[in-house]
Amino acid sequence: MWRTPLGGMGLGGFAATDRYVIVPDRDPLDTNDVFRCLDAAGGKPVWELSYPAAGKLDYGNSPRATPLVHGDRVYTLGAMGDLHCVSLADGRVLWKTNLLKQFGAKLPTWGMCSSPLIVDGKLIVNPGAPAASVVALDAETGELVWKAPGGPAAYASFIAGRFAGVDQVVGFDSLTAFALDPQTGRRLWTLAPKHKGDFHVPTPISLGDRLLLTSENNGTRIYGFAESGAIKPAPIARHDDLAPDTSTPVVASGRVFGCWNGLYCLDAASLEQIWVDDDEVYEQYTGLIASADRVLAIATRGELLLYGAAATEKRLLGRLRIAPADVDLVAHPAVSRHHLFIRIGREAACVALESR
């Protein structure tokens, strides 16, 4: 539908509404973070947020975290820890901070990656400082509400869920999974994986009153909860072959879909394998987006693959190449009103998801 040039290569996911697309980017000299707001209908620039963000990271210095659009505001987090709250309409900065400087944290090896989360008016972010591993900021003002001690920051985003009747914010630090009370920051439980060495990149997934975790050294597991809201340390189910180091699975039609050298379809209750697509297009990473009955896979080699989620065997509904095979699709896209907004190299693009 349209293409818009960007300043450089990038890893951060897009965020989209019916009117706007928020694109994490860097300037051509690779000295500034640049968050661009584009018109969803035609891709024309609406506003941009640019600020110095010096550093040197593997895989480039671009922002990693997907921006959060909440009401009339956008929350952006750069790889070097710069957090901004801006007006969605015009990009005006409402408040800002640097998480590493404010809380005395160390920059993770691959930068700040966890996307901000809002729970009950509180912005949840993870500086990774000993006394402030996770913090809640007032979403309106940026003022500190609470801070929770813990380990260095991991790379997965946090989720909010209700498990065994207890509201919880669930995520990772560099060594463990854990949950916090969203109102106070009090730690509710901690879960150390059986095998050490996970980078903790894939985001946890809520399965009703159960929790799905996945990682490269411990595979995919489902956990239950005690009446107190604490996690039970022994998994209910597991699947060792689905062991992604970066790709977060999705859930649709009672199935879990995940990528690790193939696209796996697993039963969401038992993690029994229903089918696997070992097409060569699937490597270590694939972006996945789910609706109630379909799964869209965004393969790094430049193709979109659409699957029926409820079928008892692999059902490929459509396949579309949108980029050359040597242009990796790694930034997570966004969907709004039957349009897919995606980074293709040094361009932002809009792809129609239905026939015209």
Protein backbone atom coordinates (compact mmCIF):
# COMPACT_ATOMS: atom_id res chain seq x y z
CA MET A 1 0.00 0.00 0.00
CA TRP A 2 2.87 2.36 0.78
CA ARG A 3 6.56 2.54 1.71
CA THR A 4 8.32 5.26 3.74
CA PRO A 5 12.12 5.61 4.05
CA LEU A 6 13.65 5.28 7.52
CA GLY A 7 16.96 6.46 8.96
CA GLY A 8 18.60 3.08 9.39
CA MET A 9 18.13 -0.58 10.20
CA GLY A 10 16.12 -1.43 13.30
CA LEU A 11 14.93 -4.14 15.67
CA GLY A 12 12.07 -2.51 17.59
CA GLY A 13 8.49 -3.51 16.89
CA PHE A 14 5.86 -1.17 15.45
CA ALA A 15 2.77 0.03 17.30
CA ALA A 16 -0.34 1.04 15.35
CA THR A 17 -3.77 2.58 15.81
CA ASP A 18 -6.39 3.27 13.15
CA ARG A 19 -4.70 6.63 12.44
CA TYR A 20 -1.05 6.37 13.45
CA VAL A 21 1.94 4.04 13.19
CA ILE A 22 4.78 4.46 15.70
CA VAL A 23 8.15 3.31 14.34
CA PRO A 24 11.36 2.94 16.42
CA ASP A 25 14.37 4.07 14.38
CA ARG A 26 17.87 5.61 14.44
CA ASP A 27 19.25 8.61 12.58
CA PRO A 28 21.59 7.98 9.59
CA LEU A 29 24.67 8.84 11.70
CA ASP A 30 23.63 6.30 14.36
CA THR A 31 23.88 8.82 17.20
CA ASN A 32 20.20 9.49 17.99
CA ASP A 33 17.17 7.39 18.74
CA VAL A 34 14.30 8.49 16.49
CA PHE A 35 10.71 7.46 17.07
CA ARG A 36 8.63 8.32 14.02
CA CYS A 37 4.86 8.71 13.90
CA LEU A 38 3.48 8.02 10.42
CA ASP A 39 0.00 8.47 9.02
CA ALA A 40 -1.48 4.97 8.80
CA ALA A 41 -3.39 5.74 5.61
CA GLY A 42 -0.48 6.94 3.49
CA GLY A 43 2.75 6.61 5.47
CA LYS A 44 3.46 10.35 5.57
CA PRO A 45 5.39 11.67 8.60
CA VAL A 46 3.25 13.21 11.36
CA TRP A 47 5.93 13.87 14.00
CA GLU A 48 9.21 12.50 15.30
CA LEU A 49 10.92 12.24 18.67
CA SER A 50 14.71 12.43 18.41
CA TYR A 51 17.33 12.55 21.17
CA PRO A 52 21.04 11.63 21.59
CA ALA A 53 21.54 8.00 22.63
CA ALA A 54 25.21 7.09 22.44
CA GLY A 55 26.31 3.49 22.84
CA LYS A 56 27.61 0.42 21.09
CA LEU A 57 25.58 -2.79 21.06
CA ASP A 58 25.66 -6.01 19.11
CA TYR A 59 23.04 -6.04 16.33
CA GLY A 60 23.04 -2.25 16.17
CA ASN A 61 21.99 0.50 18.56
CA SER A 62 18.36 0.96 17.52
CA PRO A 63 15.52 0.75 20.06
CA ARG A 64 14.38 -2.81 20.80
CA ALA A 65 11.22 -2.29 22.85
CA THR A 66 7.87 -1.91 21.07
CA PRO A 67 6.28 1.48 21.89
CA LEU A 68 3.14 1.42 24.02
CA VAL A 69 0.12 3.43 22.84
CA HIS A 70 -2.29 4.09 25.70
CA GLY A 71 -5.16 6.54 25.21
CA ASP A 72 -3.72 9.78 23.87
CA ARG A 73 -0.14 8.97 24.89
CA VAL A 74 2.80 6.98 23.58
CA TYR A 75 5.48 5.49 25.83
CA THR A 76 8.83 4.78 24.14
CA LEU A 77 11.93 3.05 25.52
CA GLY A 78 15.30 3.20 23.78
CA ALA A 79 18.02 0.55 24.00
CA MET A 80 20.16 2.84 26.21
CA GLY A 81 17.38 3.29 28.79
CA ASP A 82 15.74 6.53 27.62
CA LEU A 83 12.04 6.46 28.51
CA HIS A 84 9.66 9.08 27.09
CA CYS A 85 5.96 9.77 27.45
CA VAL A 86 4.72 11.83 24.51
CA SER A 87 1.43 13.06 23.08
CA LEU A 88 0.10 10.73 20.40
CA ALA A 89 -1.30 13.62 18.37
CA ASP A 90 1.83 15.77 18.06
CA GLY A 91 4.79 14.04 19.76
CA ARG A 92 5.07 16.67 22.49
CA VAL A 93 7.18 15.30 25.39
CA LEU A 94 5.09 15.12 28.56
CA TRP A 95 7.78 13.57 30.75
CA LYS A 96 11.00 11.63 30.37
CA THR A 97 13.74 9.84 32.29
CA ASN A 98 16.66 7.50 31.77
CA LEU A 99 16.04 4.29 33.69
CA LEU A 100 19.71 3.38 34.05
CA LYS A 101 20.71 6.79 35.41
CA GLN A 102 17.68 7.27 37.64
CA PHE A 103 17.92 3.89 39.34
CA GLY A 104 21.64 3.13 39.10
CA ALA A 105 21.32 0.13 36.79
CA LYS A 106 23.76 -1.49 34.39
CA LEU A 107 22.99 -1.65 30.67
CA PRO A 108 22.23 -5.26 29.64
CA THR A 109 24.44 -6.82 26.98
CA TRP A 110 21.85 -6.30 24.22
CA GLY A 111 20.30 -3.13 25.62
CA MET A 112 16.93 -2.41 27.19
CA CYS A 113 14.39 -4.61 25.40
CA SER A 114 11.28 -5.05 27.58
CA SER A 115 8.28 -3.13 26.27
CA PRO A 116 6.55 -0.87 28.85
CA LEU A 117 3.34 -2.17 30.43
CA ILE A 118 0.48 -0.19 32.00
CA VAL A 119 -1.49 -1.69 34.90
CA ASP A 120 -4.05 0.39 36.81
CA GLY A 121 -2.47 3.70 35.80
CA LYS A 122 1.06 2.52 36.59
CA LEU A 123 3.80 2.15 33.98
CA ILE A 124 5.79 -1.04 34.70
CA VAL A 125 9.41 -1.07 33.49
CA ASN A 126 12.52 -3.00 34.51
CA PRO A 127 15.71 -0.99 35.07
CA GLY A 128 17.42 -4.06 36.55
CA ALA A 129 19.08 -2.29 39.50
CA PRO A 130 19.58 -4.28 42.73
CA ALA A 131 17.15 -2.09 44.66
CA ALA A 132 14.95 -1.38 41.63
CA SER A 133 14.86 -4.43 39.41
CA VAL A 134 11.29 -3.49 38.46
CA VAL A 135 9.61 -0.16 39.08
CA ALA A 136 6.14 1.31 38.70
CA LEU A 137 5.89 4.92 37.57
CA ASP A 138 2.76 7.03 37.55
CA ALA A 139 1.73 6.87 33.90
CA GLU A 140 0.53 10.49 33.96
CA THR A 141 3.50 12.14 35.65
CA GLY A 142 6.41 9.68 35.63
CA GLU A 143 6.71 9.87 39.42
CA LEU A 144 7.87 6.73 41.22
CA VAL A 145 5.04 4.68 42.76
CA TRP A 146 7.03 1.65 43.92
CA LYS A 147 10.26 -0.20 43.26
CA ALA A 148 10.99 -3.87 43.72
CA PRO A 149 14.46 -5.30 44.41
CA GLY A 150 15.80 -8.17 42.34
CA GLY A 151 18.23 -9.22 39.65
CA PRO A 152 19.56 -7.56 36.49
CA ALA A 153 17.12 -6.95 33.66
CA ALA A 154 16.26 -9.69 31.19
CA TYR A 155 14.91 -9.04 27.69
CA ALA A 156 11.34 -10.40 27.81
CA SER A 157 8.42 -8.04 28.31
CA PHE A 158 6.18 -8.27 31.38
CA ILE A 159 2.53 -9.30 31.34
CA ALA A 160 -0.36 -8.67 33.72
CA GLY A 161 -2.60 -11.60 34.64
CA ARG A 162 -4.85 -13.04 37.28
CA PHE A 163 -3.71 -16.43 38.53
CA ALA A 164 -5.54 -18.35 41.28
CA GLY A 165 -7.55 -15.18 41.88
CA VAL A 166 -4.47 -13.04 42.50
CA ASP A 167 -3.54 -10.11 40.25
CA GLN A 168 0.09 -10.44 39.19
CA VAL A 169 2.73 -8.81 37.03
CA VAL A 170 4.83 -11.66 35.62
CA GLY A 171 8.22 -11.48 33.95
CA PHE A 172 11.90 -12.36 34.10
CA ASP A 173 15.14 -11.05 35.47
CA SER A 174 18.44 -12.43 34.19
CA LEU A 175 18.13 -15.63 36.23
CA THR A 176 14.51 -16.32 37.18
CA ALA A 177 10.84 -15.89 36.41
CA PHE A 178 8.83 -14.09 39.09
CA ALA A 179 5.64 -12.21 39.88
CA LEU A 180 4.92 -8.96 41.69
CA ASP A 181 1.83 -7.44 43.24
CA PRO A 182 0.92 -4.68 40.74
CA GLN A 183 -0.25 -2.37 43.53
CA THR A 184 2.75 -2.57 45.85
CA GLY A 185 5.59 -4.33 44.02
CA ARG A 186 5.68 -7.08 46.66
CA ARG A 187 7.20 -10.29 45.30
CA LEU A 188 4.62 -13.08 45.09
CA TRP A 189 6.84 -15.93 43.89
CA THR A 190 10.13 -16.78 42.19
CA LEU A 191 10.82 -19.67 39.82
CA ALA A 192 14.36 -20.73 38.94
CA PRO A 193 14.61 -22.79 35.73
CA LYS A 194 15.90 -26.36 35.88
CA HIS A 195 18.70 -25.59 33.43
CA LYS A 196 20.69 -22.36 33.71
CA GLY A 197 21.88 -20.07 30.93
CA ASP A 198 18.63 -18.86 29.36
CA PHE A 199 18.70 -15.31 27.99
CA HIS A 200 14.99 -14.90 28.86
CA VAL A 201 13.86 -13.18 25.66
CA PRO A 202 10.42 -14.76 24.87
CA THR A 203 7.60 -13.12 26.81
CA PRO A 204 5.47 -15.21 29.25
CA ILE A 205 1.98 -16.15 28.06
CA SER A 206 -1.20 -16.33 30.14
CA LEU A 207 -3.30 -19.46 29.50
CA GLY A 208 -6.31 -18.57 31.63
CA ASP A 209 -5.28 -19.58 35.16
CA ARG A 210 -2.05 -21.19 33.93
CA LEU A 211 1.25 -19.74 32.72
CA LEU A 212 3.35 -20.72 29.70
CA LEU A 213 7.09 -20.09 29.71
CA THR A 214 9.54 -20.95 26.94
CA SER A 215 13.31 -20.65 26.52
CA GLU A 216 16.28 -22.10 24.68
CA ASN A 217 17.60 -24.35 27.48
CA ASN A 218 14.35 -25.38 29.18
CA GLY A 219 11.91 -25.78 26.31
CA THR A 220 8.22 -24.89 26.60
CA ARG A 221 6.41 -25.49 29.91
CA ILE A 222 2.99 -24.87 31.43
CA TYR A 223 2.68 -24.11 35.14
CA GLY A 224 -0.26 -24.11 37.55
CA PHE A 225 -0.82 -22.11 40.72
CA ALA A 226 -1.60 -22.81 44.35
CA GLU A 227 -4.61 -21.20 46.02
CA SER A 228 -2.29 -18.55 47.48
CA GLY A 229 -1.41 -17.38 43.96
CA ALA A 230 2.12 -18.81 44.13
CA ILE A 231 3.33 -20.80 41.15
CA LYS A 232 3.77 -24.55 41.51
CA PRO A 233 7.40 -25.34 40.71
CA ALA A 234 6.74 -28.57 38.78
CA PRO A 235 5.31 -27.96 35.28
CA ILE A 236 1.95 -29.45 34.32
CA ALA A 237 3.17 -30.10 30.78
CA ARG A 238 6.30 -29.55 28.73
CA HIS A 239 7.59 -29.79 25.17
CA ASP A 240 11.36 -29.85 24.93
CA ASP A 241 11.69 -29.47 21.15
CA LEU A 242 10.03 -26.06 21.05
CA ALA A 243 12.90 -24.12 22.61
CA PRO A 244 13.12 -20.63 21.09
CA ASP A 245 15.81 -18.23 22.22
CA THR A 246 14.03 -15.10 20.92
CA SER A 247 10.63 -15.86 19.33
CA THR A 248 7.53 -15.59 21.54
CA PRO A 249 4.75 -18.14 20.83
CA VAL A 250 1.09 -17.21 20.36
CA VAL A 251 -2.16 -18.98 21.30
CA ALA A 252 -5.16 -19.50 19.01
CA SER A 253 -8.01 -22.05 18.90
CA GLY A 254 -6.69 -23.90 21.92
CA ARG A 255 -3.24 -24.35 20.35
CA VAL A 256 0.19 -22.95 21.03
CA PHE A 257 2.16 -21.89 17.95
CA GLY A 258 5.87 -21.32 18.28
CA CYS A 259 9.00 -21.27 16.14
CA TRP A 260 12.34 -22.98 16.62
CA ASN A 261 13.79 -24.34 13.37
CA GLY A 262 10.24 -25.03 12.28
CA LEU A 263 6.74 -23.85 13.16
CA TYR A 264 5.20 -25.99 15.92
CA CYS A 265 1.50 -26.40 16.64
CA LEU A 266 0.94 -27.82 20.15
CA ASP A 267 -2.16 -28.54 22.20
CA ALA A 268 -2.51 -25.68 24.69
CA ALA A 269 -3.54 -28.00 27.53
CA SER A 270 -1.06 -30.85 27.17
CA LEU A 271 1.63 -29.43 24.84
CA GLU A 272 1.27 -32.56 22.74
CA GLN A 273 2.47 -31.91 19.21
CA ILE A 274 -0.32 -31.62 16.61
CA TRP A 275 1.86 -30.74 13.63
CA VAL A 276 5.10 -29.07 12.68
CA ASP A 277 6.00 -27.20 9.51
CA ASP A 278 9.70 -27.69 8.84
CA ASP A 279 9.75 -25.46 5.76
CA GLU A 280 13.23 -24.03 5.22
CA VAL A 281 11.81 -20.52 5.60
CA TYR A 282 11.71 -21.11 9.37
CA GLU A 283 14.95 -20.57 11.19
CA GLN A 284 15.61 -19.55 14.78
CA TYR A 285 13.30 -16.53 14.77
CA THR A 286 9.82 -15.91 13.40
CA GLY A 287 7.35 -13.19 14.34
CA LEU A 288 3.86 -14.54 15.07
CA ILE A 289 0.48 -12.78 15.26
CA ALA A 290 -2.73 -14.63 16.16
CA SER A 291 -6.44 -13.94 15.78
CA ALA A 292 -9.13 -16.24 17.16
CA ASP A 293 -8.77 -18.78 14.35
CA ARG A 294 -5.69 -17.87 12.31
CA VAL A 295 -1.96 -17.44 12.78
CA LEU A 296 0.21 -15.16 10.66
CA ALA A 297 3.90 -16.07 10.58
CA ILE A 298 6.39 -13.40 9.55
CA ALA A 299 9.46 -15.34 8.43
CA THR A 300 12.83 -13.63 8.58
CA ARG A 301 13.49 -14.55 4.95
CA GLY A 302 10.85 -12.14 3.69
CA GLU A 303 7.59 -14.12 3.56
CA LEU A 304 4.20 -14.00 5.25
CA LEU A 305 2.51 -17.37 5.86
CA LEU A 306 -1.11 -17.64 7.02
CA TYR A 307 -2.38 -20.77 8.80
CA GLY A 308 -5.73 -22.04 9.94
CA ALA A 309 -5.31 -22.41 13.69
CA ALA A 310 -8.04 -24.98 14.40
CA ALA A 311 -7.08 -27.61 11.80
CA THR A 312 -5.86 -31.01 13.04
CA GLU A 313 -3.10 -30.97 10.42
CA LYS A 314 -1.09 -28.19 8.81
CA ARG A 315 -3.41 -25.93 6.83
CA LEU A 316 -1.60 -23.19 4.93
CA LEU A 317 -4.17 -20.63 3.77
CA GLY A 318 -1.87 -18.21 1.98
CA ARG A 319 1.73 -17.27 1.34
CA LEU A 320 3.10 -13.92 0.22
CA ARG A 321 6.64 -12.70 -0.37
CA ILE A 322 7.02 -9.06 0.66
CA ALA A 323 10.82 -8.73 0.75
CA PRO A 324 13.89 -10.24 -0.88
CA ALA A 325 15.27 -13.28 0.96
CA ASP A 326 18.44 -11.36 1.89
CA VAL A 327 16.48 -8.65 3.77
CA ASP A 328 15.71 -10.02 7.22
CA LEU A 329 12.29 -9.30 8.72
CA VAL A 330 13.10 -9.12 12.43
CA ALA A 331 11.20 -6.09 13.79
CA HIS A 332 7.78 -7.24 15.02
CA PRO A 333 4.97 -5.80 12.86
CA ALA A 334 1.63 -4.36 13.95
CA VAL A 335 -1.88 -4.96 12.60
CA SER A 336 -4.72 -2.45 12.43
CA ARG A 337 -7.85 -2.50 10.25
CA HIS A 338 -6.68 -5.34 8.00
CA HIS A 339 -3.33 -3.69 7.36
CA LEU A 340 0.08 -4.98 8.40
CA PHE A 341 2.68 -2.33 9.25
CA ILE A 342 6.19 -3.72 9.01
CA ARG A 343 9.85 -2.74 8.71
CA ILE A 344 11.48 -3.99 5.50
CA GLY A 345 15.14 -3.06 5.75
CA ARG A 346 15.37 0.73 5.82
CA GLU A 347 11.70 1.27 5.02
CA ALA A 348 8.39 1.19 6.85
CA ALA A 349 5.72 -0.50 4.76
CA CYS A 350 1.98 -1.13 4.82
CA VAL A 351 0.68 -4.44 3.44
CA ALA A 352 -3.03 -5.11 2.83
CA LEU A 353 -4.15 -8.33 4.52
CA GLU A 354 -7.32 -8.80 2.48
CA SER A 355 -8.14 -8.85 -1.21
CA ARG A 356 -9.26 -5.54 -2.69
